[in-house]
Amino acid sequence: MNGKNRKDIKAGLKVSIVLKKDQSSGKLTEGVVKDILTNSPTHPHGIKVRLESGKVGRVQAIHS
């Protein structure tokens, strides 16, 4: 699953996000979703979330 559909993302899921500062390099950060920040059902660059660590970025991958 990619992170473009809001319905696929729930609090407590382990995901990889790209932080704003890492968008040019594509470096991913792993963590657990705390809050979903995007209100729309889909987003072409990934749904924006806040991790439990406090970092904010767009979901690139969802880990099962």
PDB file of N, CA and C in Angstrom:
ATOM      1  N   MET A   1       0.839  -1.196   0.000  1.00  0.00           N
ATOM      2  CA  MET A   1       0.000   0.000   0.000  1.00  0.00           C
ATOM      3  C   MET A   1       0.876   1.249   0.000  1.00  0.00           C
ATOM      4  N   ASN A   2       0.474   2.197  -0.815  1.00  0.00           N
ATOM      5  CA  ASN A   2       1.154   3.486  -0.747  1.00  0.00           C
ATOM      6  C   ASN A   2       0.375   4.385   0.210  1.00  0.00           C
ATOM      7  N   GLY A   3       0.857   5.569   0.460  1.00  0.00           N
ATOM      8  CA  GLY A   3       0.227   6.436   1.455  1.00  0.00           C
ATOM      9  C   GLY A   3      -0.649   7.518   0.866  1.00  0.00           C
ATOM     10  N   LYS A   4      -1.256   7.254  -0.298  1.00  0.00           N
ATOM     11  CA  LYS A   4      -2.032   8.288  -0.973  1.00  0.00           C
ATOM     12  C   LYS A   4      -3.512   8.295  -0.597  1.00  0.00           C
ATOM     13  N   ASN A   5      -4.002   7.238   0.050  1.00  0.00           N
ATOM     14  CA  ASN A   5      -5.409   7.149   0.446  1.00  0.00           C
ATOM     15  C   ASN A   5      -5.543   7.249   1.961  1.00  0.00           C
ATOM     16  N   ARG A   6      -6.354   8.215   2.405  1.00  0.00           N
ATOM     17  CA  ARG A   6      -6.520   8.448   3.845  1.00  0.00           C
ATOM     18  C   ARG A   6      -7.125   7.233   4.544  1.00  0.00           C
ATOM     19  N   LYS A   7      -8.021   6.514   3.849  1.00  0.00           N
ATOM     20  CA  LYS A   7      -8.701   5.376   4.460  1.00  0.00           C
ATOM     21  C   LYS A   7      -7.746   4.239   4.824  1.00  0.00           C
ATOM     22  N   ASP A   8      -6.552   4.198   4.196  1.00  0.00           N
ATOM     23  CA  ASP A   8      -5.576   3.136   4.463  1.00  0.00           C
ATOM     24  C   ASP A   8      -4.729   3.417   5.704  1.00  0.00           C
ATOM     25  N   ILE A   9      -4.815   4.635   6.233  1.00  0.00           N
ATOM     26  CA  ILE A   9      -3.918   5.062   7.307  1.00  0.00           C
ATOM     27  C   ILE A   9      -4.700   5.239   8.600  1.00  0.00           C
ATOM     28  N   LYS A  10      -4.199   4.615   9.674  1.00  0.00           N
ATOM     29  CA  LYS A  10      -4.835   4.709  10.984  1.00  0.00           C
ATOM     30  C   LYS A  10      -3.749   5.004  12.029  1.00  0.00           C
ATOM     31  N   ALA A  11      -4.154   5.613  13.118  1.00  0.00           N
ATOM     32  CA  ALA A  11      -3.226   5.828  14.230  1.00  0.00           C
ATOM     33  C   ALA A  11      -2.709   4.470  14.702  1.00  0.00           C
ATOM     34  N   GLY A  12      -1.413   4.395  14.994  1.00  0.00           N
ATOM     35  CA  GLY A  12      -0.805   3.155  15.460  1.00  0.00           C
ATOM     36  C   GLY A  12      -0.119   2.346  14.374  1.00  0.00           C
ATOM     37  N   LEU A  13      -0.328   2.715  13.097  1.00  0.00           N
ATOM     38  CA  LEU A  13       0.331   2.001  11.999  1.00  0.00           C
ATOM     39  C   LEU A  13       1.787   2.424  11.884  1.00  0.00           C
ATOM     40  N   LYS A  14       2.650   1.477  11.515  1.00  0.00           N
ATOM     41  CA  LYS A  14       4.047   1.798  11.247  1.00  0.00           C
ATOM     42  C   LYS A  14       4.172   2.204   9.782  1.00  0.00           C
ATOM     43  N   VAL A  15       4.753   3.384   9.542  1.00  0.00           N
ATOM     44  CA  VAL A  15       4.840   3.925   8.187  1.00  0.00           C
ATOM     45  C   VAL A  15       6.229   4.509   7.932  1.00  0.00           C
ATOM     46  N   SER A  16       6.522   4.753   6.652  1.00  0.00           N
ATOM     47  CA  SER A  16       7.687   5.534   6.256  1.00  0.00           C
ATOM     48  C   SER A  16       7.174   6.844   5.691  1.00  0.00           C
ATOM     49  N   ILE A  17       7.713   7.953   6.191  1.00  0.00           N
ATOM     50  CA  ILE A  17       7.313   9.268   5.691  1.00  0.00           C
ATOM     51  C   ILE A  17       8.527   9.997   5.117  1.00  0.00           C
ATOM     52  N   VAL A  18       8.241  10.984   4.279  1.00  0.00           N
ATOM     53  CA  VAL A  18       9.294  11.887   3.821  1.00  0.00           C
ATOM     54  C   VAL A  18       9.037  13.236   4.484  1.00  0.00           C
ATOM     55  N   LEU A  19      10.047  13.730   5.195  1.00  0.00           N
ATOM     56  CA  LEU A  19       9.939  15.019   5.867  1.00  0.00           C
ATOM     57  C   LEU A  19      10.095  16.135   4.840  1.00  0.00           C
ATOM     58  N   LYS A  20       9.577  17.321   5.144  1.00  0.00           N
ATOM     59  CA  LYS A  20       9.659  18.462   4.231  1.00  0.00           C
ATOM     60  C   LYS A  20      11.113  18.713   3.822  1.00  0.00           C
ATOM     61  N   LYS A  21      12.039  18.686   4.783  1.00  0.00           N
ATOM     62  CA  LYS A  21      13.444  18.969   4.489  1.00  0.00           C
ATOM     63  C   LYS A  21      14.103  17.876   3.655  1.00  0.00           C
ATOM     64  N   ASP A  22      13.498  16.674   3.624  1.00  0.00           N
ATOM     65  CA  ASP A  22      14.074  15.543   2.887  1.00  0.00           C
ATOM     66  C   ASP A  22      13.401  15.305   1.539  1.00  0.00           C
ATOM     67  N   GLN A  23      12.459  16.175   1.135  1.00  0.00           N
ATOM     68  CA  GLN A  23      11.725  15.931  -0.107  1.00  0.00           C
ATOM     69  C   GLN A  23      12.647  15.891  -1.330  1.00  0.00           C
ATOM     70  N   SER A  24      13.677  16.727  -1.333  1.00  0.00           N
ATOM     71  CA  SER A  24      14.572  16.761  -2.495  1.00  0.00           C
ATOM     72  C   SER A  24      15.425  15.487  -2.587  1.00  0.00           C
ATOM     73  N   SER A  25      15.848  14.953  -1.434  1.00  0.00           N
ATOM     74  CA  SER A  25      16.683  13.748  -1.433  1.00  0.00           C
ATOM     75  C   SER A  25      15.850  12.465  -1.433  1.00  0.00           C
ATOM     76  N   GLY A  26      14.593  12.555  -0.963  1.00  0.00           N
ATOM     77  CA  GLY A  26      13.746  11.369  -0.891  1.00  0.00           C
ATOM     78  C   GLY A  26      14.033  10.478   0.310  1.00  0.00           C
ATOM     79  N   LYS A  27      14.842  10.979   1.274  1.00  0.00           N
ATOM     80  CA  LYS A  27      15.172  10.198   2.469  1.00  0.00           C
ATOM     81  C   LYS A  27      13.906   9.929   3.284  1.00  0.00           C
ATOM     82  N   LEU A  28      13.719   8.666   3.684  1.00  0.00           N
ATOM     83  CA  LEU A  28      12.522   8.279   4.425  1.00  0.00           C
ATOM     84  C   LEU A  28      12.809   8.172   5.920  1.00  0.00           C
ATOM     85  N   THR A  29      11.783   8.461   6.717  1.00  0.00           N
ATOM     86  CA  THR A  29      11.846   8.348   8.170  1.00  0.00           C
ATOM     87  C   THR A  29      10.744   7.391   8.600  1.00  0.00           C
ATOM     88  N   GLU A  30      11.100   6.383   9.410  1.00  0.00           N
ATOM     89  CA  GLU A  30      10.095   5.425   9.875  1.00  0.00           C
ATOM     90  C   GLU A  30       9.558   5.842  11.231  1.00  0.00           C
ATOM     91  N   GLY A  31       8.296   5.489  11.467  1.00  0.00           N
ATOM     92  CA  GLY A  31       7.699   5.771  12.760  1.00  0.00           C
ATOM     93  C   GLY A  31       6.272   5.273  12.823  1.00  0.00           C
ATOM     94  N   VAL A  32       5.611   5.567  13.950  1.00  0.00           N
ATOM     95  CA  VAL A  32       4.238   5.129  14.188  1.00  0.00           C
ATOM     96  C   VAL A  32       3.323   6.348  14.128  1.00  0.00           C
ATOM     97  N   VAL A  33       2.224   6.231  13.376  1.00  0.00           N
ATOM     98  CA  VAL A  33       1.290   7.343  13.191  1.00  0.00           C
ATOM     99  C   VAL A  33       0.614   7.709  14.501  1.00  0.00           C
ATOM    100  N   LYS A  34       0.640   9.009  14.834  1.00  0.00           N
ATOM    101  CA  LYS A  34      -0.092   9.534  15.989  1.00  0.00           C
ATOM    102  C   LYS A  34      -1.349  10.256  15.521  1.00  0.00           C
ATOM    103  N   ASP A  35      -1.199  11.172  14.549  1.00  0.00           N
ATOM    104  CA  ASP A  35      -2.331  11.956  14.032  1.00  0.00           C
ATOM    105  C   ASP A  35      -2.287  11.982  12.513  1.00  0.00           C
ATOM    106  N   ILE A  36      -3.461  12.025  11.885  1.00  0.00           N
ATOM    107  CA  ILE A  36      -3.576  12.237  10.444  1.00  0.00           C
ATOM    108  C   ILE A  36      -3.911  13.704  10.231  1.00  0.00           C
ATOM    109  N   LEU A  37      -3.083  14.405   9.447  1.00  0.00           N
ATOM    110  CA  LEU A  37      -3.236  15.844   9.292  1.00  0.00           C
ATOM    111  C   LEU A  37      -3.945  16.247   7.997  1.00  0.00           C
ATOM    112  N   THR A  38      -3.972  15.362   7.003  1.00  0.00           N
ATOM    113  CA  THR A  38      -4.664  15.657   5.747  1.00  0.00           C
ATOM    114  C   THR A  38      -6.146  15.335   5.905  1.00  0.00           C
ATOM    115  N   ASN A  39      -7.004  16.281   5.517  1.00  0.00           N
ATOM    116  CA  ASN A  39      -8.446  16.065   5.637  1.00  0.00           C
ATOM    117  C   ASN A  39      -9.052  15.417   4.402  1.00  0.00           C
ATOM    118  N   SER A  40      -8.471  15.656   3.217  1.00  0.00           N
ATOM    119  CA  SER A  40      -9.059  15.119   1.992  1.00  0.00           C
ATOM    120  C   SER A  40      -8.847  13.603   1.918  1.00  0.00           C
ATOM    121  N   PRO A  41      -9.725  12.878   1.193  1.00  0.00           N
ATOM    122  CA  PRO A  41      -9.628  11.409   1.146  1.00  0.00           C
ATOM    123  C   PRO A  41      -8.376  10.887   0.436  1.00  0.00           C
ATOM    124  N   THR A  42      -7.814  11.676  -0.498  1.00  0.00           N
ATOM    125  CA  THR A  42      -6.578  11.274  -1.180  1.00  0.00           C
ATOM    126  C   THR A  42      -5.671  12.487  -1.336  1.00  0.00           C
ATOM    127  N   HIS A  43      -4.384  12.222  -1.563  1.00  0.00           N
ATOM    128  CA  HIS A  43      -3.433  13.291  -1.872  1.00  0.00           C
ATOM    129  C   HIS A  43      -2.349  12.703  -2.769  1.00  0.00           C
ATOM    130  N   PRO A  44      -2.029  13.376  -3.894  1.00  0.00           N
ATOM    131  CA  PRO A  44      -1.074  12.804  -4.858  1.00  0.00           C
ATOM    132  C   PRO A  44       0.347  12.623  -4.319  1.00  0.00           C
ATOM    133  N   HIS A  45       0.730  13.394  -3.288  1.00  0.00           N
ATOM    134  CA  HIS A  45       2.087  13.279  -2.734  1.00  0.00           C
ATOM    135  C   HIS A  45       2.128  12.474  -1.444  1.00  0.00           C
ATOM    136  N   GLY A  46       0.982  11.955  -1.017  1.00  0.00           N
ATOM    137  CA  GLY A  46       0.918  11.184   0.222  1.00  0.00           C
ATOM    138  C   GLY A  46       0.172  11.945   1.302  1.00  0.00           C
ATOM    139  N   ILE A  47      -0.498  11.205   2.163  1.00  0.00           N
ATOM    140  CA  ILE A  47      -1.266  11.789   3.263  1.00  0.00           C
ATOM    141  C   ILE A  47      -0.290  12.308   4.328  1.00  0.00           C
ATOM    142  N   LYS A  48      -0.520  13.527   4.807  1.00  0.00           N
ATOM    143  CA  LYS A  48       0.364  14.117   5.815  1.00  0.00           C
ATOM    144  C   LYS A  48      -0.031  13.607   7.196  1.00  0.00           C
ATOM    145  N   VAL A  49       0.966  13.138   7.955  1.00  0.00           N
ATOM    146  CA  VAL A  49       0.735  12.605   9.298  1.00  0.00           C
ATOM    147  C   VAL A  49       1.763  13.157  10.276  1.00  0.00           C
ATOM    148  N   ARG A  50       1.417  13.060  11.564  1.00  0.00           N
ATOM    149  CA  ARG A  50       2.368  13.341  12.647  1.00  0.00           C
ATOM    150  C   ARG A  50       2.692  12.008  13.290  1.00  0.00           C
ATOM    151  N   LEU A  51       3.973  11.724  13.444  1.00  0.00           N
ATOM    152  CA  LEU A  51       4.401  10.488  14.094  1.00  0.00           C
ATOM    153  C   LEU A  51       4.413  10.678  15.603  1.00  0.00           C
ATOM    154  N   GLU A  52       4.501   9.568  16.340  1.00  0.00           N
ATOM    155  CA  GLU A  52       4.575   9.638  17.801  1.00  0.00           C
ATOM    156  C   GLU A  52       5.818  10.394  18.263  1.00  0.00           C
ATOM    157  N   SER A  53       6.845  10.438  17.407  1.00  0.00           N
ATOM    158  CA  SER A  53       8.072  11.182  17.721  1.00  0.00           C
ATOM    159  C   SER A  53       7.877  12.694  17.556  1.00  0.00           C
ATOM    160  N   GLY A  54       6.739  13.099  16.941  1.00  0.00           N
ATOM    161  CA  GLY A  54       6.473  14.515  16.719  1.00  0.00           C
ATOM    162  C   GLY A  54       6.824  14.989  15.325  1.00  0.00           C
ATOM    163  N   LYS A  55       7.503  14.140  14.542  1.00  0.00           N
ATOM    164  CA  LYS A  55       7.882  14.514  13.178  1.00  0.00           C
ATOM    165  C   LYS A  55       6.660  14.493  12.269  1.00  0.00           C
ATOM    166  N   VAL A  56       6.615  15.428  11.310  1.00  0.00           N
ATOM    167  CA  VAL A  56       5.494  15.558  10.389  1.00  0.00           C
ATOM    168  C   VAL A  56       5.999  15.366   8.966  1.00  0.00           C
ATOM    169  N   GLY A  57       5.280  14.548   8.197  1.00  0.00           N
ATOM    170  CA  GLY A  57       5.655  14.335   6.799  1.00  0.00           C
ATOM    171  C   GLY A  57       4.560  13.589   6.063  1.00  0.00           C
ATOM    172  N   ARG A  58       4.828  13.308   4.787  1.00  0.00           N
ATOM    173  CA  ARG A  58       3.852  12.628   3.954  1.00  0.00           C
ATOM    174  C   ARG A  58       4.189  11.138   3.846  1.00  0.00           C
ATOM    175  N   VAL A  59       3.162  10.301   3.996  1.00  0.00           N
ATOM    176  CA  VAL A  59       3.350   8.849   3.986  1.00  0.00           C
ATOM    177  C   VAL A  59       3.758   8.388   2.586  1.00  0.00           C
ATOM    178  N   GLN A  60       4.863   7.637   2.538  1.00  0.00           N
ATOM    179  CA  GLN A  60       5.347   7.049   1.291  1.00  0.00           C
ATOM    180  C   GLN A  60       5.107   5.538   1.250  1.00  0.00           C
ATOM    181  N   ALA A  61       5.094   4.911   2.416  1.00  0.00           N
ATOM    182  CA  ALA A  61       4.888   3.451   2.487  1.00  0.00           C
ATOM    183  C   ALA A  61       4.244   3.103   3.819  1.00  0.00           C
ATOM    184  N   ILE A  62       3.409   2.050   3.785  1.00  0.00           N
ATOM    185  CA  ILE A  62       2.765   1.546   4.986  1.00  0.00           C
ATOM    186  C   ILE A  62       3.319   0.149   5.244  1.00  0.00           C
ATOM    187  N   HIS A  63       3.806  -0.083   6.465  1.00  0.00           N
ATOM    188  CA  HIS A  63       4.399  -1.382   6.820  1.00  0.00           C
ATOM    189  C   HIS A  63       3.364  -2.225   7.559  1.00  0.00           C
ATOM    190  N   SER A  64       3.253  -3.484   7.166  1.00  0.00           N
ATOM    191  CA  SER A  64       2.264  -4.360   7.828  1.00  0.00           C
ATOM    192  C   SER A  64       2.869  -5.024   9.057  1.00  0.00           C
TER     193      SER A  64
END
